[in-house]
C-alpha cells in the first residue's frame, strides 16, 4: 500500500512540475534506491539520463517564471503531466511487479497536482499580490517533495 501512496505523491509532483518527478526517479534509479533493472524503464538509471532530466527540470523551473508560459491546465501540458505522473508512479511500483497499479496511482496524482497546484498557486499569488513568490514556493515544494518521496521508496 505504501508503494501506491508514493506513486500517487510522485504523480502530484509531476502535476506541479512535470520534469521534476522523472528527474527524481532517474536519480533514485541511478543511485540504486529504485531498482528498474530488467524493465523497460531501466533507461532511467543509465549514466546520462539523470543529468539530462535534471537539465530539463531546471529549464522548466526557469520557464515557469516567464509570463508567456501557457497554463498547465491547457490540454497538452495537462496530458503530459498525467502521463509523466503515471510513468513515474509506475516506476516506483515496478520493482514490486505492479507497474500498472503504480501507473494509475501516478496518473491520478498528476491530475491532483495539476489542478491543485494551479489553484494553490493562484491563491498564494493573490495573497502576495504577485506570482513570483507563489511560483518559488511551488518550486520548493516540488523539489523537496520529490526528494522525500524517492527517499521513502521501500
N, C-alpha and C. Protein backbone atom coordinates (compact mmCIF):
# COMPACT_ATOMS: atom_id res chain seq x y z
N UNK A 1 0.81 -1.19 0.00
CA UNK A 1 0.00 0.00 0.00
C UNK A 1 0.87 1.27 0.00
N UNK A 2 1.98 1.23 0.71
CA UNK A 2 2.89 2.38 0.77
C UNK A 2 3.38 2.75 -0.63
N UNK A 3 3.63 1.74 -1.44
CA UNK A 3 4.13 1.99 -2.79
C UNK A 3 3.11 2.79 -3.60
N UNK A 4 1.83 2.47 -3.44
CA UNK A 4 0.80 3.19 -4.19
C UNK A 4 0.63 4.63 -3.69
N UNK A 5 0.82 4.83 -2.41
CA UNK A 5 0.77 6.20 -1.88
C UNK A 5 1.93 7.01 -2.43
N UNK A 6 3.11 6.41 -2.44
CA UNK A 6 4.28 7.09 -3.01
C UNK A 6 4.11 7.34 -4.50
N UNK A 7 3.50 6.39 -5.21
CA UNK A 7 3.23 6.57 -6.64
C UNK A 7 2.26 7.73 -6.85
N UNK A 8 1.23 7.81 -6.03
CA UNK A 8 0.28 8.93 -6.10
C UNK A 8 1.00 10.25 -5.84
N UNK A 9 1.84 10.27 -4.82
CA UNK A 9 2.54 11.50 -4.45
C UNK A 9 3.54 11.95 -5.52
N UNK A 10 4.24 11.01 -6.14
CA UNK A 10 5.17 11.44 -7.21
C UNK A 10 4.38 11.96 -8.39
N UNK A 11 3.17 11.44 -8.58
CA UNK A 11 2.29 11.99 -9.60
C UNK A 11 1.88 13.41 -9.29
N UNK A 12 1.63 13.69 -8.01
CA UNK A 12 1.32 15.07 -7.60
C UNK A 12 2.49 15.99 -7.94
N UNK A 13 3.69 15.52 -7.68
CA UNK A 13 4.89 16.32 -8.02
C UNK A 13 4.93 16.57 -9.53
N UNK A 14 4.61 15.56 -10.33
CA UNK A 14 4.59 15.74 -11.79
C UNK A 14 3.54 16.76 -12.18
N UNK A 15 2.45 16.83 -11.44
CA UNK A 15 1.42 17.84 -11.70
C UNK A 15 1.90 19.24 -11.38
N UNK A 16 2.77 19.34 -10.38
CA UNK A 16 3.33 20.66 -10.03
C UNK A 16 4.41 21.08 -11.02
N UNK A 17 5.39 20.20 -11.23
CA UNK A 17 6.50 20.45 -12.15
C UNK A 17 6.76 19.15 -12.90
N UNK A 18 6.37 19.13 -14.14
CA UNK A 18 6.35 17.88 -14.92
C UNK A 18 7.71 17.18 -14.97
N UNK A 19 8.78 17.90 -15.08
CA UNK A 19 10.09 17.26 -15.23
C UNK A 19 10.79 16.96 -13.91
N UNK A 20 10.28 17.51 -12.82
CA UNK A 20 10.90 17.25 -11.52
C UNK A 20 10.75 15.78 -11.13
N UNK A 21 9.57 15.22 -11.37
CA UNK A 21 9.31 13.83 -10.99
C UNK A 21 10.23 12.85 -11.74
N UNK A 22 10.32 12.91 -13.07
CA UNK A 22 11.22 11.96 -13.73
C UNK A 22 12.69 12.19 -13.39
N UNK A 23 13.08 13.43 -13.13
CA UNK A 23 14.46 13.68 -12.72
C UNK A 23 14.75 12.99 -11.38
N UNK A 24 13.82 13.12 -10.44
CA UNK A 24 14.00 12.49 -9.13
C UNK A 24 14.01 10.96 -9.26
N UNK A 25 13.11 10.41 -10.04
CA UNK A 25 13.06 8.96 -10.25
C UNK A 25 14.36 8.49 -10.90
N UNK A 26 14.84 9.25 -11.86
CA UNK A 26 16.06 8.87 -12.56
C UNK A 26 17.27 8.87 -11.61
N UNK A 27 17.38 9.90 -10.78
CA UNK A 27 18.48 9.94 -9.82
C UNK A 27 18.37 8.78 -8.83
N UNK A 28 17.16 8.52 -8.36
CA UNK A 28 16.98 7.41 -7.41
C UNK A 28 17.34 6.07 -8.04
N UNK A 29 17.03 5.92 -9.31
CA UNK A 29 17.38 4.68 -10.03
C UNK A 29 18.89 4.60 -10.22
N UNK A 30 19.48 5.69 -10.64
CA UNK A 30 20.93 5.75 -10.86
C UNK A 30 21.69 5.43 -9.56
N UNK A 31 21.17 5.95 -8.44
CA UNK A 31 21.84 5.76 -7.14
C UNK A 31 21.47 4.43 -6.46
N UNK A 32 20.60 3.66 -7.10
CA UNK A 32 20.25 2.35 -6.55
C UNK A 32 19.14 2.35 -5.52
N UNK A 33 18.42 3.45 -5.37
CA UNK A 33 17.31 3.49 -4.42
C UNK A 33 16.05 2.85 -5.01
N UNK A 34 15.92 2.94 -6.32
CA UNK A 34 14.82 2.29 -7.04
C UNK A 34 15.46 1.34 -8.04
N UNK A 35 14.94 0.12 -8.10
CA UNK A 35 15.55 -0.91 -8.95
C UNK A 35 14.65 -1.18 -10.15
N UNK A 36 15.11 -0.74 -11.31
CA UNK A 36 14.36 -0.93 -12.55
C UNK A 36 15.09 -1.81 -13.55
N UNK A 37 16.15 -2.49 -13.09
CA UNK A 37 16.88 -3.39 -13.97
C UNK A 37 15.93 -4.45 -14.49
N UNK A 38 16.06 -4.75 -15.78
CA UNK A 38 15.23 -5.78 -16.38
C UNK A 38 13.83 -5.31 -16.77
N UNK A 39 13.54 -4.02 -16.57
CA UNK A 39 12.26 -3.47 -17.01
C UNK A 39 12.53 -2.51 -18.17
N UNK A 40 11.48 -2.13 -18.86
CA UNK A 40 11.66 -1.20 -19.97
C UNK A 40 11.98 0.21 -19.46
N UNK A 41 11.85 0.44 -18.16
CA UNK A 41 12.20 1.74 -17.57
C UNK A 41 13.64 1.80 -17.08
N UNK A 42 14.41 0.76 -17.34
CA UNK A 42 15.80 0.72 -16.88
C UNK A 42 16.62 1.90 -17.39
N UNK A 43 16.23 2.46 -18.53
CA UNK A 43 16.96 3.61 -19.09
C UNK A 43 17.01 4.79 -18.12
N UNK A 44 16.08 4.84 -17.19
CA UNK A 44 16.08 5.94 -16.22
C UNK A 44 17.32 5.92 -15.32
N UNK A 45 17.94 4.76 -15.19
CA UNK A 45 19.15 4.65 -14.37
C UNK A 45 20.44 4.69 -15.16
N UNK A 46 20.35 4.89 -16.47
CA UNK A 46 21.56 4.97 -17.28
C UNK A 46 22.40 6.17 -16.87
N UNK A 47 23.64 6.12 -17.22
CA UNK A 47 24.65 7.10 -16.80
C UNK A 47 24.27 8.56 -17.03
N UNK A 48 23.75 8.90 -18.20
CA UNK A 48 23.49 10.30 -18.55
C UNK A 48 22.03 10.72 -18.35
N UNK A 49 21.13 9.77 -18.18
CA UNK A 49 19.71 10.10 -18.06
C UNK A 49 19.41 11.06 -16.91
N UNK A 50 19.93 10.84 -15.71
CA UNK A 50 19.61 11.79 -14.63
C UNK A 50 20.08 13.22 -14.93
N UNK A 51 21.22 13.33 -15.58
CA UNK A 51 21.75 14.66 -15.91
C UNK A 51 20.86 15.36 -16.94
N UNK A 52 20.45 14.61 -17.95
CA UNK A 52 19.58 15.19 -18.99
C UNK A 52 18.25 15.62 -18.38
N UNK A 53 17.66 14.77 -17.56
CA UNK A 53 16.38 15.11 -16.94
C UNK A 53 16.52 16.26 -15.95
N UNK A 54 17.66 16.36 -15.30
CA UNK A 54 17.90 17.48 -14.38
C UNK A 54 17.97 18.80 -15.15
N UNK A 55 18.64 18.79 -16.29
CA UNK A 55 18.70 19.99 -17.13
C UNK A 55 17.29 20.39 -17.58
N UNK A 56 16.49 19.41 -17.96
CA UNK A 56 15.11 19.70 -18.37
C UNK A 56 14.29 20.24 -17.20
N UNK A 57 14.50 19.68 -16.00
CA UNK A 57 13.78 20.15 -14.82
C UNK A 57 14.17 21.59 -14.48
N UNK A 58 15.45 21.91 -14.58
CA UNK A 58 15.90 23.28 -14.32
C UNK A 58 15.32 24.22 -15.37
N UNK A 59 15.31 23.77 -16.62
CA UNK A 59 14.70 24.58 -17.68
C UNK A 59 13.24 24.85 -17.41
N UNK A 60 12.55 23.85 -16.89
CA UNK A 60 11.13 24.05 -16.55
C UNK A 60 10.97 25.04 -15.41
N UNK A 61 11.84 24.96 -14.41
CA UNK A 61 11.77 25.91 -13.30
C UNK A 61 11.97 27.34 -13.79
N UNK A 62 12.88 27.51 -14.71
CA UNK A 62 13.13 28.84 -15.28
C UNK A 62 11.97 29.27 -16.17
N UNK A 63 11.54 28.37 -17.05
CA UNK A 63 10.46 28.69 -17.98
C UNK A 63 9.15 29.02 -17.27
N UNK A 64 8.94 28.42 -16.13
CA UNK A 64 7.71 28.66 -15.39
C UNK A 64 7.62 30.11 -14.90
N UNK A 65 8.74 30.77 -14.77
CA UNK A 65 8.76 32.15 -14.30
C UNK A 65 8.42 33.15 -15.41
N UNK A 66 8.41 32.69 -16.64
CA UNK A 66 8.16 33.60 -17.77
C UNK A 66 6.66 33.87 -17.93
N UNK A 67 6.32 35.11 -18.25
CA UNK A 67 4.90 35.45 -18.39
C UNK A 67 4.23 34.80 -19.60
N UNK A 68 5.01 34.32 -20.55
CA UNK A 68 4.44 33.72 -21.76
C UNK A 68 4.19 32.22 -21.63
N UNK A 69 4.55 31.63 -20.48
CA UNK A 69 4.36 30.20 -20.28
C UNK A 69 2.87 29.89 -20.21
N UNK A 70 2.41 28.93 -21.03
CA UNK A 70 0.97 28.61 -21.04
C UNK A 70 0.54 27.93 -19.73
N UNK A 71 -0.74 27.96 -19.48
CA UNK A 71 -1.31 27.33 -18.30
C UNK A 71 -1.08 25.83 -18.33
N UNK A 72 -0.81 25.27 -17.18
CA UNK A 72 -0.64 23.82 -17.07
C UNK A 72 -1.96 23.08 -17.31
N UNK A 73 -3.07 23.83 -17.29
CA UNK A 73 -4.38 23.20 -17.47
C UNK A 73 -4.84 23.15 -18.93
N UNK A 74 -4.03 23.68 -19.85
CA UNK A 74 -4.37 23.53 -21.26
C UNK A 74 -4.13 22.07 -21.64
N UNK A 75 -4.76 21.58 -22.71
CA UNK A 75 -4.75 20.13 -22.98
C UNK A 75 -3.37 19.47 -23.05
N UNK A 76 -2.43 20.02 -23.79
CA UNK A 76 -1.15 19.35 -23.95
C UNK A 76 -0.34 19.29 -22.64
N UNK A 77 -0.13 20.40 -21.93
CA UNK A 77 0.59 20.29 -20.66
C UNK A 77 -0.13 19.43 -19.63
N UNK A 78 -1.45 19.48 -19.61
CA UNK A 78 -2.23 18.68 -18.67
C UNK A 78 -2.03 17.19 -18.97
N UNK A 79 -2.16 16.82 -20.24
CA UNK A 79 -1.97 15.42 -20.63
C UNK A 79 -0.55 14.95 -20.33
N UNK A 80 0.42 15.80 -20.60
CA UNK A 80 1.82 15.43 -20.34
C UNK A 80 2.03 15.16 -18.85
N UNK A 81 1.44 15.97 -17.99
CA UNK A 81 1.60 15.78 -16.54
C UNK A 81 0.94 14.50 -16.06
N UNK A 82 -0.18 14.14 -16.66
CA UNK A 82 -0.86 12.89 -16.30
C UNK A 82 -0.01 11.70 -16.73
N UNK A 83 0.50 11.74 -17.95
CA UNK A 83 1.32 10.63 -18.47
C UNK A 83 2.63 10.52 -17.70
N UNK A 84 3.28 11.64 -17.48
CA UNK A 84 4.56 11.61 -16.74
C UNK A 84 4.32 11.14 -15.31
N UNK A 85 3.25 11.63 -14.68
CA UNK A 85 2.91 11.16 -13.34
C UNK A 85 2.68 9.66 -13.32
N UNK A 86 1.98 9.16 -14.34
CA UNK A 86 1.74 7.73 -14.43
C UNK A 86 3.02 6.94 -14.60
N UNK A 87 3.89 7.39 -15.47
CA UNK A 87 5.16 6.69 -15.70
C UNK A 87 6.03 6.69 -14.45
N UNK A 88 6.07 7.82 -13.75
CA UNK A 88 6.88 7.89 -12.54
C UNK A 88 6.27 7.03 -11.42
N UNK A 89 4.96 7.06 -11.31
CA UNK A 89 4.29 6.19 -10.34
C UNK A 89 4.52 4.73 -10.68
N UNK A 90 4.45 4.41 -11.97
CA UNK A 90 4.72 3.05 -12.40
C UNK A 90 6.14 2.63 -12.09
N UNK A 91 7.09 3.54 -12.23
CA UNK A 91 8.49 3.23 -11.93
C UNK A 91 8.66 2.90 -10.45
N UNK A 92 7.97 3.64 -9.60
CA UNK A 92 8.06 3.36 -8.16
C UNK A 92 7.49 1.98 -7.84
N UNK A 93 6.38 1.61 -8.49
CA UNK A 93 5.73 0.34 -8.20
C UNK A 93 6.32 -0.83 -8.99
N UNK A 94 7.09 -0.56 -10.04
CA UNK A 94 7.58 -1.61 -10.93
C UNK A 94 8.48 -2.61 -10.22
N UNK A 95 9.27 -2.15 -9.28
CA UNK A 95 10.19 -3.07 -8.63
C UNK A 95 9.44 -4.11 -7.80
N UNK A 96 8.19 -3.81 -7.44
CA UNK A 96 7.34 -4.78 -6.75
C UNK A 96 6.47 -5.56 -7.71
N UNK A 97 6.64 -5.33 -9.01
CA UNK A 97 5.88 -6.06 -10.01
C UNK A 97 4.49 -5.53 -10.29
N UNK A 98 4.21 -4.30 -9.86
CA UNK A 98 2.86 -3.76 -10.05
C UNK A 98 2.89 -2.43 -10.80
N UNK A 99 3.52 -2.44 -11.97
CA UNK A 99 3.64 -1.21 -12.76
C UNK A 99 2.29 -0.58 -13.03
N UNK A 100 1.31 -1.37 -13.44
CA UNK A 100 0.01 -0.81 -13.83
C UNK A 100 -0.67 -0.10 -12.66
N UNK A 101 -0.67 -0.70 -11.49
CA UNK A 101 -1.25 -0.04 -10.32
C UNK A 101 -0.54 1.26 -9.99
N UNK A 102 0.77 1.25 -10.08
CA UNK A 102 1.55 2.47 -9.85
C UNK A 102 1.29 3.51 -10.90
N UNK A 103 1.12 3.06 -12.15
CA UNK A 103 0.82 3.98 -13.24
C UNK A 103 -0.51 4.70 -12.99
N UNK A 104 -1.52 3.94 -12.61
CA UNK A 104 -2.84 4.54 -12.34
C UNK A 104 -2.75 5.52 -11.17
N UNK A 105 -2.09 5.11 -10.09
CA UNK A 105 -1.95 6.00 -8.93
C UNK A 105 -1.19 7.26 -9.31
N UNK A 106 -0.11 7.12 -10.07
CA UNK A 106 0.67 8.28 -10.50
C UNK A 106 -0.11 9.20 -11.42
N UNK A 107 -0.92 8.63 -12.31
CA UNK A 107 -1.74 9.44 -13.22
C UNK A 107 -2.79 10.22 -12.43
N UNK A 108 -3.41 9.58 -11.45
CA UNK A 108 -4.37 10.29 -10.59
C UNK A 108 -3.65 11.40 -9.83
N UNK A 109 -2.46 11.11 -9.34
CA UNK A 109 -1.66 12.13 -8.68
C UNK A 109 -1.34 13.28 -9.61
N UNK A 110 -1.08 12.97 -10.89
CA UNK A 110 -0.82 14.02 -11.88
C UNK A 110 -2.00 14.96 -12.04
N UNK A 111 -3.19 14.40 -12.03
CA UNK A 111 -4.40 15.23 -12.12
C UNK A 111 -4.54 16.09 -10.87
N UNK A 112 -4.36 15.47 -9.70
CA UNK A 112 -4.47 16.21 -8.44
C UNK A 112 -3.43 17.33 -8.38
N UNK A 113 -2.19 17.01 -8.74
CA UNK A 113 -1.12 18.00 -8.70
C UNK A 113 -1.33 19.14 -9.67
N UNK A 114 -1.83 18.83 -10.86
CA UNK A 114 -2.06 19.87 -11.87
C UNK A 114 -3.15 20.83 -11.41
N UNK A 115 -4.29 20.28 -11.05
CA UNK A 115 -5.42 21.13 -10.66
C UNK A 115 -5.19 21.78 -9.29
N UNK A 116 -4.72 20.99 -8.34
CA UNK A 116 -4.47 21.53 -7.00
C UNK A 116 -3.33 22.54 -6.99
N UNK A 117 -2.30 22.25 -7.76
CA UNK A 117 -1.16 23.18 -7.84
C UNK A 117 -1.56 24.51 -8.46
N UNK A 118 -2.36 24.45 -9.50
CA UNK A 118 -2.81 25.69 -10.15
C UNK A 118 -3.66 26.51 -9.19
N UNK A 119 -4.56 25.84 -8.47
CA UNK A 119 -5.42 26.54 -7.52
C UNK A 119 -4.61 27.10 -6.35
N UNK A 120 -3.72 26.29 -5.81
CA UNK A 120 -2.89 26.74 -4.70
C UNK A 120 -2.00 27.91 -5.08
N UNK A 121 -1.43 27.83 -6.26
CA UNK A 121 -0.57 28.92 -6.72
C UNK A 121 -1.38 30.20 -6.94
N UNK A 122 -2.57 30.07 -7.50
CA UNK A 122 -3.42 31.25 -7.72
C UNK A 122 -3.77 31.91 -6.39
N UNK A 123 -4.07 31.11 -5.40
CA UNK A 123 -4.41 31.67 -4.08
C UNK A 123 -3.20 32.32 -3.42
N UNK A 124 -2.05 31.68 -3.52
CA UNK A 124 -0.83 32.28 -2.97
C UNK A 124 -0.47 33.57 -3.70
N UNK A 125 -0.60 33.57 -5.02
CA UNK A 125 -0.30 34.77 -5.80
C UNK A 125 -1.23 35.91 -5.41
N UNK A 126 -2.49 35.59 -5.17
CA UNK A 126 -3.44 36.61 -4.73
C UNK A 126 -3.06 37.14 -3.35
N UNK A 127 -2.61 36.26 -2.47
CA UNK A 127 -2.22 36.67 -1.12
C UNK A 127 -0.97 37.56 -1.16
N UNK A 128 -0.04 37.24 -2.06
CA UNK A 128 1.19 38.03 -2.18
C UNK A 128 1.03 39.23 -3.11
N UNK A 129 -0.06 39.26 -3.84
CA UNK A 129 -0.33 40.29 -4.87
C UNK A 129 0.66 40.21 -6.03
N UNK A 130 1.37 39.10 -6.15
CA UNK A 130 2.22 38.84 -7.30
C UNK A 130 2.51 37.34 -7.38
N UNK A 131 2.87 36.91 -8.58
CA UNK A 131 3.00 35.48 -8.84
C UNK A 131 4.35 34.88 -8.44
N UNK A 132 5.42 35.65 -8.56
CA UNK A 132 6.76 35.07 -8.35
C UNK A 132 6.94 34.39 -7.00
N UNK A 133 6.56 34.99 -5.87
CA UNK A 133 6.73 34.26 -4.61
C UNK A 133 5.94 32.95 -4.57
N UNK A 134 4.74 32.97 -5.15
CA UNK A 134 3.93 31.76 -5.19
C UNK A 134 4.62 30.69 -6.04
N UNK A 135 5.19 31.09 -7.16
CA UNK A 135 5.89 30.15 -8.03
C UNK A 135 7.11 29.56 -7.33
N UNK A 136 7.84 30.38 -6.60
CA UNK A 136 9.03 29.89 -5.90
C UNK A 136 8.66 28.92 -4.78
N UNK A 137 7.56 29.19 -4.10
CA UNK A 137 7.09 28.27 -3.06
C UNK A 137 6.70 26.94 -3.70
N UNK A 138 6.00 27.00 -4.83
CA UNK A 138 5.62 25.78 -5.53
C UNK A 138 6.86 25.01 -5.99
N UNK A 139 7.87 25.72 -6.49
CA UNK A 139 9.13 25.09 -6.89
C UNK A 139 9.75 24.35 -5.71
N UNK A 140 9.81 25.01 -4.56
CA UNK A 140 10.42 24.42 -3.37
C UNK A 140 9.66 23.17 -2.93
N UNK A 141 8.34 23.23 -2.98
CA UNK A 141 7.53 22.07 -2.62
C UNK A 141 7.82 20.91 -3.57
N UNK A 142 7.92 21.20 -4.86
CA UNK A 142 8.17 20.15 -5.85
C UNK A 142 9.55 19.52 -5.65
N UNK A 143 10.56 20.34 -5.42
CA UNK A 143 11.93 19.83 -5.24
C UNK A 143 12.03 18.99 -3.96
N UNK A 144 11.60 19.56 -2.85
CA UNK A 144 11.68 18.87 -1.58
C UNK A 144 10.78 17.62 -1.57
N UNK A 145 9.57 17.76 -2.10
CA UNK A 145 8.65 16.65 -2.16
C UNK A 145 9.21 15.48 -2.96
N UNK A 146 9.78 15.78 -4.13
CA UNK A 146 10.35 14.73 -4.97
C UNK A 146 11.47 14.00 -4.24
N UNK A 147 12.33 14.75 -3.58
CA UNK A 147 13.44 14.14 -2.85
C UNK A 147 12.93 13.25 -1.72
N UNK A 148 11.96 13.73 -0.97
CA UNK A 148 11.42 12.95 0.15
C UNK A 148 10.72 11.69 -0.35
N UNK A 149 9.99 11.81 -1.44
CA UNK A 149 9.24 10.66 -1.97
C UNK A 149 10.19 9.56 -2.44
N UNK A 150 11.18 9.90 -3.27
CA UNK A 150 12.08 8.86 -3.76
C UNK A 150 12.95 8.29 -2.62
N UNK A 151 13.20 9.11 -1.61
CA UNK A 151 13.95 8.62 -0.45
C UNK A 151 13.15 7.65 0.41
N UNK A 152 11.83 7.70 0.29
CA UNK A 152 10.97 6.84 1.10
C UNK A 152 10.58 5.54 0.40
N UNK A 153 10.99 5.37 -0.86
CA UNK A 153 10.62 4.15 -1.60
C UNK A 153 11.24 2.94 -0.90
N UNK A 154 10.41 1.94 -0.58
CA UNK A 154 10.95 0.76 0.13
C UNK A 154 11.84 -0.11 -0.75
